[in-house]
C-alpha atoms as a PDB file:
ATOM      1  CA  MET A   1     -82.580   5.493  88.708  1.00  0.00           C
ATOM      2  CA  SER A   2     -82.062   3.335  91.759  1.00  0.00           C
ATOM      3  CA  ASN A   3     -84.422   0.623  92.978  1.00  0.00           C
ATOM      4  CA  LYS A   4     -87.338   1.167  90.653  1.00  0.00           C
ATOM      5  CA  THR A   5     -89.794  -1.602  91.445  1.00  0.00           C
ATOM      6  CA  GLU A   6     -91.586  -1.036  88.114  1.00  0.00           C
ATOM      7  CA  ILE A   7     -88.725  -2.922  86.441  1.00  0.00           C
ATOM      8  CA  LEU A   8     -89.907  -6.140  88.085  1.00  0.00           C
ATOM      9  CA  THR A   9     -93.225  -6.003  86.209  1.00  0.00           C
ATOM     10  CA  GLN A  10     -91.714  -5.289  82.790  1.00  0.00           C
ATOM     11  CA  ASN A  11     -89.561  -7.295  80.388  1.00  0.00           C
ATOM     12  CA  ASN A  12     -86.388  -7.607  82.441  1.00  0.00           C
ATOM     13  CA  PHE A  13     -83.287  -9.656  83.069  1.00  0.00           C
ATOM     14  CA  LYS A  14     -81.125 -10.115  86.147  1.00  0.00           C
ATOM     15  CA  LEU A  15     -77.438 -10.259  86.905  1.00  0.00           C
ATOM     16  CA  TYR A  16     -75.446 -11.081  90.000  1.00  0.00           C
ATOM     17  CA  ILE A  17     -72.574  -8.701  90.740  1.00  0.00           C
ATOM     18  CA  GLU A  18     -69.910  -9.489  93.329  1.00  0.00           C
ATOM     19  CA  PHE A  19     -69.631  -7.320  96.407  1.00  0.00           C
ATOM     20  CA  LYS A  20     -66.200  -5.971  95.421  1.00  0.00           C
ATOM     21  CA  ASP A  21     -67.541  -4.608  92.101  1.00  0.00           C
ATOM     22  CA  ASN A  22     -70.787  -3.213  93.449  1.00  0.00           C
ATOM     23  CA  ILE A  23     -69.779   0.438  93.954  1.00  0.00           C
ATOM     24  CA  ILE A  24     -68.137   0.809  90.549  1.00  0.00           C
ATOM     25  CA  PHE A  25     -71.056  -0.896  88.830  1.00  0.00           C
ATOM     26  CA  GLU A  26     -73.734   1.236  90.499  1.00  0.00           C
ATOM     27  CA  ASN A  27     -71.753   4.408  89.831  1.00  0.00           C
ATOM     28  CA  GLU A  28     -71.624   3.540  86.117  1.00  0.00           C
ATOM     29  CA  LEU A  29     -75.360   2.779  86.083  1.00  0.00           C
ATOM     30  CA  ILE A  30     -76.121   6.165  87.594  1.00  0.00           C
ATOM     31  CA  ASN A  31     -73.764   7.986  85.197  1.00  0.00           C
ATOM     32  CA  LYS A  32     -75.436   6.335  82.196  1.00  0.00           C
ATOM     33  CA  ASN A  33     -78.980   6.921  83.561  1.00  0.00           C
ATOM     34  CA  ILE A  34     -79.868   3.229  83.502  1.00  0.00           C
ATOM     35  CA  ASP A  35     -82.865   2.221  85.577  1.00  0.00           C
ATOM     36  CA  TYR A  36     -82.333  -0.779  87.838  1.00  0.00           C
ATOM     37  CA  TYR A  37     -83.652  -2.571  90.858  1.00  0.00           C
ATOM     38  CA  ARG A  38     -81.264  -4.097  93.407  1.00  0.00           C
ATOM     39  CA  ASP A  39     -82.444  -6.944  95.585  1.00  0.00           C
ATOM     40  CA  GLU A  40     -81.484  -6.071  99.139  1.00  0.00           C
ATOM     41  CA  LYS A  41     -81.782  -9.671 100.382  1.00  0.00           C
ATOM     42  CA  SER A  42     -78.567 -10.837  98.759  1.00  0.00           C
ATOM     43  CA  ILE A  43     -75.547 -11.117 101.039  1.00  0.00           C
ATOM     44  CA  ILE A  44     -72.506 -12.197  99.018  1.00  0.00           C
ATOM     45  CA  ASN A  45     -73.586 -11.056  95.571  1.00  0.00           C
ATOM     46  CA  PHE A  46     -76.010  -8.311  94.690  1.00  0.00           C
ATOM     47  CA  ARG A  47     -78.867  -9.239  92.387  1.00  0.00           C
ATOM     48  CA  TYR A  48     -79.794  -6.523  89.915  1.00  0.00           C
ATOM     49  CA  PHE A  49     -82.824  -6.365  87.634  1.00  0.00           C
ATOM     50  CA  PHE A  50     -82.669  -4.349  84.415  1.00  0.00           C
ATOM     51  CA  LEU A  51     -84.949  -3.588  81.522  1.00  0.00           C
ATOM     52  CA  SER A  52     -84.146  -5.697  78.480  1.00  0.00           C
ATOM     53  CA  LYS A  53     -83.693  -2.589  76.339  1.00  0.00           C
ATOM     54  CA  ASP A  54     -80.620  -1.625  78.415  1.00  0.00           C
ATOM     55  CA  SER A  55     -78.759  -4.897  77.886  1.00  0.00           C
ATOM     56  CA  GLU A  56     -76.221  -3.506  75.408  1.00  0.00           C
ATOM     57  CA  LEU A  57     -75.297  -0.576  77.678  1.00  0.00           C
ATOM     58  CA  ILE A  58     -74.904  -2.882  80.653  1.00  0.00           C
ATOM     59  CA  ASP A  59     -72.745  -5.236  78.615  1.00  0.00           C
ATOM     60  CA  LEU A  60     -70.518  -2.292  77.706  1.00  0.00           C
ATOM     61  CA  ILE A  61     -70.232  -1.255  81.373  1.00  0.00           C
ATOM     62  CA  LEU A  62     -69.241  -4.772  82.370  1.00  0.00           C
ATOM     63  CA  LYS A  63     -66.601  -5.042  79.644  1.00  0.00           C
ATOM     64  CA  THR A  64     -65.000  -1.622  80.151  1.00  0.00           C
ATOM     65  CA  ASN A  65     -64.739  -2.061  83.933  1.00  0.00           C
ATOM     66  CA  ASN A  66     -63.725  -5.760  83.879  1.00  0.00           C
ATOM     67  CA  ILE A  67     -66.677  -6.740  86.054  1.00  0.00           C
ATOM     68  CA  VAL A  68     -67.665 -10.392  86.130  1.00  0.00           C
ATOM     69  CA  ALA A  69     -71.429 -10.805  86.207  1.00  0.00           C
ATOM     70  CA  ASN A  70     -73.239 -14.063  86.818  1.00  0.00           C
ATOM     71  CA  ILE A  71     -76.714 -15.241  85.994  1.00  0.00           C
ATOM     72  CA  GLU A  72     -78.756 -17.711  88.003  1.00  0.00           C
ATOM     73  CA  SER A  73     -76.401 -20.598  87.499  1.00  0.00           C
ATOM     74  CA  LEU A  74     -73.230 -21.771  89.122  1.00  0.00           C
ATOM     75  CA  PRO A  75     -71.055 -18.757  89.938  1.00  0.00           C
ATOM     76  CA  ILE A  76     -67.937 -18.306  87.861  1.00  0.00           C
ATOM     77  CA  PRO A  77     -64.839 -18.241  90.069  1.00  0.00           C
ATOM     78  CA  GLU A  78     -62.541 -15.322  89.532  1.00  0.00           C
ATOM     79  CA  PHE A  79     -59.583 -16.459  87.436  1.00  0.00           C
ATOM     80  CA  ASN A  80     -56.995 -14.552  89.471  1.00  0.00           C
ATOM     81  CA  GLN A  81     -58.135 -16.165  92.725  1.00  0.00           C
ATOM     82  CA  THR A  82     -58.023 -19.625  91.158  1.00  0.00           C
ATOM     83  CA  LYS A  83     -54.523 -18.945  89.875  1.00  0.00           C
ATOM     84  CA  LYS A  84     -53.372 -17.836  93.352  1.00  0.00           C
ATOM     85  CA  ILE A  85     -54.780 -20.992  94.955  1.00  0.00           C
ATOM     86  CA  GLN A  86     -53.045 -23.186  92.375  1.00  0.00           C
ATOM     87  CA  LEU A  87     -49.764 -21.397  93.100  1.00  0.00           C
ATOM     88  CA  ILE A  88     -50.146 -22.087  96.830  1.00  0.00           C
ATOM     89  CA  TYR A  89     -50.805 -25.792  96.133  1.00  0.00           C
ATOM     90  CA  LEU A  90     -47.731 -25.907  93.917  1.00  0.00           C
ATOM     91  CA  LYS A  91     -45.529 -24.333  96.601  1.00  0.00           C
ATOM     92  CA  VAL A  92     -46.834 -26.763  99.239  1.00  0.00           C
ATOM     93  CA  ALA A  93     -46.220 -29.753  96.928  1.00  0.00           C
ATOM     94  CA  ILE A  94     -42.659 -28.596  96.174  1.00  0.00           C
ATOM     95  CA  GLY A  95     -42.043 -28.060  99.891  1.00  0.00           C
ATOM     96  CA  ILE A  96     -43.235 -31.572 100.702  1.00  0.00           C
ATOM     97  CA  ILE A  97     -41.075 -33.069  97.940  1.00  0.00           C
ATOM     98  CA  ILE A  98     -37.984 -31.187  99.163  1.00  0.00           C
ATOM     99  CA  ILE A  99     -38.510 -32.298 102.763  1.00  0.00           C
END
């Protein structure tokens, strides 16, 4: 299952998975017997390659486990983190206004 280099020579697609979701994602891939290749050079996000035929199963894994996957574009910030940062800015602004 894990790190099959043959995937790189076949019709494939790639996804970037955040570090915090990596263990859950790989566990689900192994449970569903999905072949994949993980690029070990990535530091912040893990880059996975999959066969195109497995795209529907992978989509299901991502949806059921609430995993945000990115493609090779600008990364999508996690909504909860953005909301927390906005709350901090709001508190600081209110504090400055009160002072």
